[in-house]
Structure formats: structure tokens, C-alpha cells
Amino acid sequence: MNQLHFEIHIEAPKENVWEKMLSPEPFKEWTAVFSVGSYYEGNWEEGSEIRFLTPKGDGMISRVMVNRPYEFISLEHLGVINEGVVDTESPKVKAWAPAYENYSFSEGNGVTTVMVDIEIMPGHEKVFEGVWQPALAKLKEICEAN
């Protein structure tokens, strides 16, 4: 697995950024960069299952491994969902799962730094690099508008 790192500085308190990043409606806004209409089912409580879905019902199934409010959240991606069917066992999924996605939040002088660290399969770097920075820019726009 390869590691990618993204970060952005947002002029807002980290509590505000956390809420905008993880609350259902703003989540739909900033993740539209990945897939218009994307959303999640479940919650962000440590140990809980969460599903990241497109309007077609395709997506990923994950587990919240760590949730330290306003500081750090870690997701363990377990598999994919295709046409509503969860796949955590196929050779294609086992080639990359589990994979981790971590969000860190720090604040200084009224500016919150959001850092995203993800594990991906080799060869997928350009795809992720092409969507994560615009998604974080959208999150910044949402947070700084309120």
C-alpha cells in the first residue's frame, strides 16, 4: 500500500471544521467532488460501522477505529458495496483491505489545519490526488462561509 498525505488550512475553529466535515449535509457538499450526491449511513462513533455511498448505492464499508473529537478520526476501510451487496471477501478486495484513512485536526491562531492520510493501492495516486485537494478546498469554503 502507498501512503498519501493532504492538508489544508481553514480559518475557523477546529470544532466548526469537525462539525462541517462530519455532519450529514455539509458532508454531502464537500464529498460531491468524489461523487455527486454521495452520503454516509451510520455514525462516527468509535467502533461503529459506517457506509460511504453514491446515489446508486455503491460505495465502501468501513469501521471507525478511533474518534477523538476535534483532534483525530481513523477509518478502517473493509470492503466495497456494489448494487447494495457488501464485498469484504473477494480477491480484488482482499488485495487492498483493510486500508486506513486518518483525519487529524490542529488549531492555532484561529486557523485549523486538517491533515488527511490515506492508504491506497499502487497506481491509484493520480486519481486520489485529483480529488482530495478539490474536496478539501470545498470543505474550506463551507467552513469559512459560516
N, C-alpha and C. Protein backbone atom coordinates (compact mmCIF):
# COMPACT_ATOMS: atom_id res chain seq x y z
N MET A 1 0.84 -1.19 0.00
CA MET A 1 0.00 0.00 0.00
C MET A 1 0.88 1.24 0.00
N ASN A 2 0.42 2.25 -0.69
CA ASN A 2 1.10 3.54 -0.69
C ASN A 2 0.36 4.50 0.23
N GLN A 3 1.10 5.45 0.76
CA GLN A 3 0.53 6.46 1.65
C GLN A 3 0.45 7.79 0.90
N LEU A 4 -0.68 8.47 1.04
CA LEU A 4 -0.82 9.83 0.51
C LEU A 4 -1.18 10.75 1.67
N HIS A 5 -0.71 11.98 1.58
CA HIS A 5 -0.98 12.98 2.62
C HIS A 5 -1.51 14.25 1.95
N PHE A 6 -2.57 14.77 2.52
CA PHE A 6 -3.15 16.04 2.07
C PHE A 6 -3.40 16.89 3.30
N GLU A 7 -3.30 18.20 3.12
CA GLU A 7 -3.67 19.08 4.23
C GLU A 7 -4.14 20.42 3.70
N ILE A 8 -4.91 21.08 4.56
CA ILE A 8 -5.44 22.39 4.22
C ILE A 8 -5.57 23.21 5.50
N HIS A 9 -5.42 24.51 5.36
CA HIS A 9 -5.57 25.44 6.48
C HIS A 9 -6.90 26.18 6.31
N ILE A 10 -7.71 26.14 7.35
CA ILE A 10 -9.05 26.71 7.30
C ILE A 10 -9.20 27.74 8.41
N GLU A 11 -9.64 28.93 8.05
CA GLU A 11 -9.81 29.99 9.03
C GLU A 11 -11.14 29.82 9.76
N ALA A 12 -11.11 28.88 10.71
CA ALA A 12 -12.29 28.57 11.54
C ALA A 12 -11.80 27.71 12.70
N PRO A 13 -12.53 27.75 13.82
CA PRO A 13 -12.17 26.89 14.94
C PRO A 13 -12.28 25.41 14.56
N LYS A 14 -11.43 24.58 15.17
CA LYS A 14 -11.43 23.16 14.79
C LYS A 14 -12.76 22.48 15.10
N GLU A 15 -13.48 22.95 16.11
CA GLU A 15 -14.80 22.38 16.41
C GLU A 15 -15.76 22.61 15.25
N ASN A 16 -15.69 23.80 14.65
CA ASN A 16 -16.53 24.12 13.50
C ASN A 16 -16.15 23.26 12.30
N VAL A 17 -14.85 23.13 12.06
CA VAL A 17 -14.38 22.33 10.92
C VAL A 17 -14.79 20.87 11.10
N TRP A 18 -14.62 20.35 12.30
CA TRP A 18 -15.00 18.96 12.60
C TRP A 18 -16.48 18.74 12.29
N GLU A 19 -17.32 19.64 12.80
CA GLU A 19 -18.77 19.51 12.60
C GLU A 19 -19.14 19.60 11.12
N LYS A 20 -18.54 20.52 10.39
CA LYS A 20 -18.86 20.67 8.96
C LYS A 20 -18.34 19.48 8.15
N MET A 21 -17.21 18.93 8.57
CA MET A 21 -16.65 17.81 7.83
C MET A 21 -17.47 16.54 8.01
N LEU A 22 -18.03 16.34 9.20
CA LEU A 22 -18.65 15.06 9.52
C LEU A 22 -20.17 15.07 9.59
N SER A 23 -20.80 16.24 9.64
CA SER A 23 -22.27 16.30 9.69
C SER A 23 -22.86 15.96 8.33
N PRO A 24 -24.01 15.30 8.30
CA PRO A 24 -24.55 14.76 7.04
C PRO A 24 -24.68 15.76 5.89
N GLU A 25 -25.27 16.91 6.11
CA GLU A 25 -25.49 17.83 4.98
C GLU A 25 -24.21 18.45 4.44
N PRO A 26 -23.35 19.03 5.30
CA PRO A 26 -22.09 19.56 4.75
C PRO A 26 -21.20 18.46 4.17
N PHE A 27 -21.28 17.25 4.75
CA PHE A 27 -20.51 16.12 4.21
C PHE A 27 -20.88 15.90 2.74
N LYS A 28 -22.17 15.95 2.44
CA LYS A 28 -22.62 15.77 1.05
C LYS A 28 -22.03 16.83 0.13
N GLU A 29 -21.90 18.06 0.65
CA GLU A 29 -21.37 19.16 -0.16
C GLU A 29 -19.90 18.95 -0.51
N TRP A 30 -19.07 18.71 0.51
CA TRP A 30 -17.64 18.64 0.22
C TRP A 30 -17.24 17.33 -0.45
N THR A 31 -18.01 16.27 -0.25
CA THR A 31 -17.67 14.99 -0.90
C THR A 31 -18.27 14.86 -2.30
N ALA A 32 -19.04 15.85 -2.73
CA ALA A 32 -19.57 15.82 -4.10
C ALA A 32 -18.43 15.78 -5.12
N VAL A 33 -17.25 16.23 -4.73
CA VAL A 33 -16.09 16.16 -5.61
C VAL A 33 -15.77 14.70 -5.96
N PHE A 34 -15.96 13.79 -5.00
CA PHE A 34 -15.71 12.37 -5.25
C PHE A 34 -16.84 11.76 -6.08
N SER A 35 -18.08 12.09 -5.72
CA SER A 35 -19.25 11.59 -6.43
C SER A 35 -20.44 12.47 -6.03
N VAL A 36 -21.04 13.12 -7.01
CA VAL A 36 -22.19 13.99 -6.72
C VAL A 36 -23.28 13.17 -6.05
N GLY A 37 -23.78 13.70 -4.95
CA GLY A 37 -24.84 13.01 -4.22
C GLY A 37 -24.35 12.00 -3.21
N SER A 38 -23.03 11.91 -3.01
CA SER A 38 -22.52 10.94 -2.04
C SER A 38 -22.94 11.29 -0.62
N TYR A 39 -23.04 10.27 0.20
CA TYR A 39 -23.50 10.45 1.57
C TYR A 39 -22.99 9.27 2.40
N TYR A 40 -23.29 9.30 3.70
CA TYR A 40 -22.93 8.16 4.53
C TYR A 40 -24.14 7.68 5.31
N GLU A 41 -24.09 6.40 5.67
CA GLU A 41 -25.07 5.78 6.57
C GLU A 41 -24.29 5.25 7.76
N GLY A 42 -24.81 5.49 8.94
CA GLY A 42 -24.13 5.08 10.16
C GLY A 42 -23.75 6.31 10.95
N ASN A 43 -22.74 6.16 11.79
CA ASN A 43 -22.30 7.30 12.58
C ASN A 43 -20.80 7.22 12.78
N TRP A 44 -20.27 8.25 13.41
CA TRP A 44 -18.83 8.39 13.58
C TRP A 44 -18.35 7.91 14.95
N GLU A 45 -19.17 7.17 15.67
CA GLU A 45 -18.77 6.68 16.99
C GLU A 45 -17.71 5.60 16.85
N GLU A 46 -16.73 5.64 17.74
CA GLU A 46 -15.65 4.66 17.73
C GLU A 46 -16.22 3.25 17.78
N GLY A 47 -15.74 2.40 16.87
CA GLY A 47 -16.17 1.00 16.81
C GLY A 47 -17.36 0.76 15.90
N SER A 48 -18.02 1.82 15.44
CA SER A 48 -19.22 1.62 14.64
C SER A 48 -18.91 1.45 13.15
N GLU A 49 -19.83 0.78 12.48
CA GLU A 49 -19.75 0.62 11.03
C GLU A 49 -20.31 1.86 10.37
N ILE A 50 -19.69 2.25 9.28
CA ILE A 50 -20.17 3.38 8.51
C ILE A 50 -20.03 3.03 7.03
N ARG A 51 -21.02 3.41 6.25
CA ARG A 51 -21.02 3.13 4.81
C ARG A 51 -21.00 4.44 4.06
N PHE A 52 -20.08 4.55 3.12
CA PHE A 52 -19.96 5.72 2.27
C PHE A 52 -20.53 5.34 0.91
N LEU A 53 -21.59 6.03 0.50
CA LEU A 53 -22.38 5.58 -0.64
C LEU A 53 -22.60 6.66 -1.69
N THR A 54 -22.80 6.20 -2.92
CA THR A 54 -23.24 7.08 -4.01
C THR A 54 -24.76 6.96 -4.11
N PRO A 55 -25.40 7.83 -4.87
CA PRO A 55 -26.86 7.70 -5.03
C PRO A 55 -27.29 6.34 -5.60
N LYS A 56 -26.41 5.65 -6.32
CA LYS A 56 -26.74 4.32 -6.85
C LYS A 56 -26.65 3.24 -5.78
N GLY A 57 -26.12 3.58 -4.60
CA GLY A 57 -25.97 2.59 -3.54
C GLY A 57 -24.63 1.88 -3.56
N ASP A 58 -23.72 2.32 -4.43
CA ASP A 58 -22.37 1.75 -4.47
C ASP A 58 -21.49 2.53 -3.50
N GLY A 59 -20.41 1.90 -3.04
CA GLY A 59 -19.51 2.62 -2.16
C GLY A 59 -18.59 1.73 -1.38
N MET A 60 -18.32 2.14 -0.14
CA MET A 60 -17.39 1.43 0.73
C MET A 60 -18.02 1.17 2.08
N ILE A 61 -17.60 0.09 2.70
CA ILE A 61 -17.99 -0.20 4.08
C ILE A 61 -16.73 -0.07 4.93
N SER A 62 -16.88 0.62 6.05
CA SER A 62 -15.74 0.95 6.89
C SER A 62 -16.12 0.83 8.36
N ARG A 63 -15.09 0.91 9.20
CA ARG A 63 -15.29 0.93 10.64
C ARG A 63 -14.54 2.13 11.20
N VAL A 64 -15.16 2.83 12.14
CA VAL A 64 -14.50 3.93 12.82
C VAL A 64 -13.62 3.31 13.90
N MET A 65 -12.31 3.40 13.71
CA MET A 65 -11.38 2.77 14.65
C MET A 65 -11.09 3.67 15.85
N VAL A 66 -10.92 4.97 15.57
CA VAL A 66 -10.60 5.94 16.62
C VAL A 66 -11.42 7.19 16.35
N ASN A 67 -11.98 7.75 17.42
CA ASN A 67 -12.67 9.03 17.32
C ASN A 67 -12.35 9.84 18.58
N ARG A 68 -11.40 10.76 18.43
CA ARG A 68 -11.08 11.71 19.50
C ARG A 68 -11.61 13.06 19.03
N PRO A 69 -12.79 13.45 19.51
CA PRO A 69 -13.45 14.65 18.98
C PRO A 69 -12.53 15.86 18.86
N TYR A 70 -12.62 16.47 17.70
CA TYR A 70 -11.91 17.71 17.35
C TYR A 70 -10.40 17.52 17.22
N GLU A 71 -9.93 16.26 17.27
CA GLU A 71 -8.49 16.01 17.17
C GLU A 71 -8.13 14.98 16.10
N PHE A 72 -8.81 13.81 16.12
CA PHE A 72 -8.36 12.71 15.27
C PHE A 72 -9.49 11.72 15.04
N ILE A 73 -9.58 11.25 13.80
CA ILE A 73 -10.51 10.16 13.49
C ILE A 73 -9.80 9.22 12.52
N SER A 74 -9.98 7.92 12.76
CA SER A 74 -9.35 6.91 11.91
C SER A 74 -10.41 5.95 11.41
N LEU A 75 -10.41 5.74 10.10
CA LEU A 75 -11.33 4.80 9.46
C LEU A 75 -10.56 3.61 8.94
N GLU A 76 -11.14 2.44 9.13
CA GLU A 76 -10.61 1.22 8.54
C GLU A 76 -11.57 0.81 7.43
N HIS A 77 -11.11 0.90 6.19
CA HIS A 77 -11.96 0.51 5.07
C HIS A 77 -11.88 -1.01 4.92
N LEU A 78 -13.06 -1.63 4.93
CA LEU A 78 -13.16 -3.08 4.98
C LEU A 78 -13.54 -3.74 3.65
N GLY A 79 -14.22 -2.98 2.79
CA GLY A 79 -14.67 -3.57 1.54
C GLY A 79 -15.48 -2.58 0.72
N VAL A 80 -16.09 -3.11 -0.31
CA VAL A 80 -16.88 -2.30 -1.23
C VAL A 80 -18.34 -2.73 -1.19
N ILE A 81 -19.18 -1.85 -1.70
CA ILE A 81 -20.60 -2.15 -1.85
C ILE A 81 -20.94 -1.91 -3.31
N ASN A 82 -21.43 -2.94 -3.97
CA ASN A 82 -21.83 -2.83 -5.37
C ASN A 82 -23.29 -3.24 -5.50
N GLU A 83 -24.10 -2.29 -5.98
CA GLU A 83 -25.54 -2.52 -6.13
C GLU A 83 -26.15 -3.04 -4.83
N GLY A 84 -25.69 -2.49 -3.71
CA GLY A 84 -26.23 -2.84 -2.40
C GLY A 84 -25.63 -4.09 -1.77
N VAL A 85 -24.74 -4.78 -2.48
CA VAL A 85 -24.14 -6.01 -1.97
C VAL A 85 -22.75 -5.70 -1.42
N VAL A 86 -22.54 -6.07 -0.15
CA VAL A 86 -21.25 -5.84 0.51
C VAL A 86 -20.27 -6.94 0.12
N ASP A 87 -19.06 -6.53 -0.25
CA ASP A 87 -17.99 -7.46 -0.60
C ASP A 87 -16.77 -7.15 0.27
N THR A 88 -16.47 -8.06 1.19
CA THR A 88 -15.26 -7.93 2.00
C THR A 88 -14.34 -9.14 1.80
N GLU A 89 -14.73 -10.06 0.93
CA GLU A 89 -14.02 -11.34 0.82
C GLU A 89 -13.40 -11.63 -0.54
N SER A 90 -13.78 -10.93 -1.58
CA SER A 90 -13.26 -11.27 -2.91
C SER A 90 -11.75 -11.00 -2.97
N PRO A 91 -11.05 -11.70 -3.87
CA PRO A 91 -9.61 -11.45 -4.03
C PRO A 91 -9.31 -9.98 -4.37
N LYS A 92 -10.18 -9.36 -5.15
CA LYS A 92 -9.98 -7.95 -5.52
C LYS A 92 -9.99 -7.06 -4.28
N VAL A 93 -10.92 -7.31 -3.36
CA VAL A 93 -11.00 -6.52 -2.13
C VAL A 93 -9.86 -6.88 -1.18
N LYS A 94 -9.58 -8.15 -1.05
CA LYS A 94 -8.52 -8.58 -0.12
C LYS A 94 -7.14 -8.07 -0.54
N ALA A 95 -7.02 -7.67 -1.81
CA ALA A 95 -5.75 -7.11 -2.28
C ALA A 95 -5.44 -5.76 -1.63
N TRP A 96 -6.48 -5.05 -1.16
CA TRP A 96 -6.22 -3.74 -0.55
C TRP A 96 -6.80 -3.58 0.85
N ALA A 97 -7.76 -4.38 1.22
CA ALA A 97 -8.41 -4.19 2.53
C ALA A 97 -7.75 -5.05 3.59
N PRO A 98 -7.61 -4.54 4.79
CA PRO A 98 -8.06 -3.22 5.20
C PRO A 98 -7.10 -2.12 4.76
N ALA A 99 -7.67 -0.94 4.56
CA ALA A 99 -6.90 0.26 4.27
C ALA A 99 -7.38 1.34 5.23
N TYR A 100 -6.48 2.22 5.60
CA TYR A 100 -6.81 3.22 6.62
C TYR A 100 -6.84 4.63 6.04
N GLU A 101 -7.74 5.42 6.60
CA GLU A 101 -7.89 6.83 6.24
C GLU A 101 -7.98 7.59 7.57
N ASN A 102 -7.05 8.50 7.77
CA ASN A 102 -6.96 9.21 9.05
C ASN A 102 -7.09 10.71 8.84
N TYR A 103 -7.84 11.34 9.74
CA TYR A 103 -8.02 12.78 9.73
C TYR A 103 -7.48 13.35 11.04
N SER A 104 -6.59 14.32 10.95
CA SER A 104 -6.05 14.99 12.14
C SER A 104 -6.41 16.47 12.05
N PHE A 105 -6.73 17.06 13.20
CA PHE A 105 -7.14 18.45 13.29
C PHE A 105 -6.26 19.15 14.33
N SER A 106 -5.69 20.28 13.97
CA SER A 106 -4.96 21.10 14.94
C SER A 106 -5.31 22.55 14.68
N GLU A 107 -5.26 23.35 15.74
CA GLU A 107 -5.67 24.75 15.62
C GLU A 107 -4.64 25.66 16.27
N GLY A 108 -4.38 26.77 15.60
CA GLY A 108 -3.51 27.80 16.15
C GLY A 108 -3.87 29.14 15.55
N ASN A 109 -4.02 30.14 16.40
CA ASN A 109 -4.34 31.50 15.94
C ASN A 109 -5.59 31.55 15.07
N GLY A 110 -6.59 30.76 15.42
CA GLY A 110 -7.86 30.79 14.70
C GLY A 110 -7.86 30.04 13.39
N VAL A 111 -6.77 29.35 13.08
CA VAL A 111 -6.67 28.59 11.83
C VAL A 111 -6.57 27.11 12.17
N THR A 112 -7.44 26.31 11.56
CA THR A 112 -7.41 24.86 11.75
C THR A 112 -6.70 24.21 10.57
N THR A 113 -5.78 23.34 10.89
CA THR A 113 -5.12 22.54 9.86
C THR A 113 -5.76 21.16 9.89
N VAL A 114 -6.28 20.75 8.73
CA VAL A 114 -6.83 19.41 8.57
C VAL A 114 -5.83 18.61 7.75
N MET A 115 -5.40 17.48 8.32
CA MET A 115 -4.47 16.60 7.63
C MET A 115 -5.16 15.27 7.36
N VAL A 116 -5.04 14.81 6.13
CA VAL A 116 -5.65 13.55 5.71
C VAL A 116 -4.54 12.62 5.25
N ASP A 117 -4.48 11.45 5.85
CA ASP A 117 -3.50 10.43 5.46
C ASP A 117 -4.28 9.18 5.05
N ILE A 118 -4.01 8.71 3.84
CA ILE A 118 -4.74 7.56 3.32
C ILE A 118 -3.79 6.51 2.77
N GLU A 119 -4.23 5.27 2.84
CA GLU A 119 -3.52 4.16 2.21
C GLU A 119 -4.26 3.80 0.93
N ILE A 120 -3.49 3.64 -0.15
CA ILE A 120 -4.10 3.28 -1.44
C ILE A 120 -3.25 2.25 -2.15
N MET A 121 -3.87 1.59 -3.09
CA MET A 121 -3.16 0.63 -3.93
C MET A 121 -2.22 1.39 -4.86
N PRO A 122 -1.03 0.84 -5.10
CA PRO A 122 -0.13 1.47 -6.07
C PRO A 122 -0.83 1.64 -7.42
N GLY A 123 -0.56 2.76 -8.04
CA GLY A 123 -1.15 3.04 -9.34
C GLY A 123 -2.40 3.89 -9.28
N HIS A 124 -2.91 4.15 -8.07
CA HIS A 124 -4.12 4.96 -7.93
C HIS A 124 -3.84 6.38 -7.43
N GLU A 125 -2.57 6.74 -7.35
CA GLU A 125 -2.19 8.04 -6.79
C GLU A 125 -2.82 9.21 -7.53
N LYS A 126 -2.75 9.21 -8.84
CA LYS A 126 -3.27 10.35 -9.62
C LYS A 126 -4.76 10.56 -9.41
N VAL A 127 -5.51 9.47 -9.29
CA VAL A 127 -6.96 9.58 -9.07
C VAL A 127 -7.21 10.29 -7.75
N PHE A 128 -6.55 9.83 -6.69
CA PHE A 128 -6.78 10.42 -5.37
C PHE A 128 -6.24 11.84 -5.28
N GLU A 129 -5.09 12.09 -5.89
CA GLU A 129 -4.54 13.44 -5.88
C GLU A 129 -5.45 14.40 -6.62
N GLY A 130 -6.15 13.91 -7.62
CA GLY A 130 -7.05 14.76 -8.40
C GLY A 130 -8.35 15.11 -7.71
N VAL A 131 -8.71 14.37 -6.65
CA VAL A 131 -9.98 14.65 -5.98
C VAL A 131 -9.83 15.17 -4.55
N TRP A 132 -8.78 14.76 -3.84
CA TRP A 132 -8.69 15.16 -2.44
C TRP A 132 -8.47 16.65 -2.25
N GLN A 133 -7.57 17.25 -3.02
CA GLN A 133 -7.33 18.70 -2.84
C GLN A 133 -8.58 19.52 -3.17
N PRO A 134 -9.29 19.24 -4.26
CA PRO A 134 -10.54 19.99 -4.50
C PRO A 134 -11.60 19.74 -3.42
N ALA A 135 -11.66 18.52 -2.89
CA ALA A 135 -12.63 18.23 -1.82
C ALA A 135 -12.30 19.04 -0.58
N LEU A 136 -11.03 19.10 -0.22
CA LEU A 136 -10.63 19.89 0.95
C LEU A 136 -10.83 21.39 0.71
N ALA A 137 -10.64 21.82 -0.52
CA ALA A 137 -10.91 23.23 -0.85
C ALA A 137 -12.40 23.54 -0.67
N LYS A 138 -13.26 22.62 -1.03
CA LYS A 138 -14.69 22.80 -0.83
C LYS A 138 -15.03 22.82 0.66
N LEU A 139 -14.40 21.95 1.44
CA LEU A 139 -14.60 21.96 2.89
C LEU A 139 -14.18 23.32 3.46
N LYS A 140 -13.06 23.84 3.02
CA LYS A 140 -12.59 25.15 3.47
C LYS A 140 -13.63 26.23 3.16
N GLU A 141 -14.15 26.19 1.95
CA GLU A 141 -15.18 27.16 1.53
C GLU A 141 -16.41 27.08 2.43
N ILE A 142 -16.86 25.88 2.73
CA ILE A 142 -18.03 25.68 3.60
C ILE A 142 -17.76 26.21 4.99
N CYS A 143 -16.61 25.87 5.54
CA CYS A 143 -16.28 26.28 6.91
C CYS A 143 -16.08 27.77 7.05
N GLU A 144 -15.47 28.38 6.08
CA GLU A 144 -15.17 29.82 6.18
C GLU A 144 -16.37 30.68 5.83
N ALA A 145 -17.40 30.09 5.23
CA ALA A 145 -18.60 30.85 4.88
C ALA A 145 -19.52 31.05 6.09
N ASN A 146 -19.35 30.22 7.11
CA ASN A 146 -20.26 30.28 8.27
C ASN A 146 -19.54 30.78 9.50
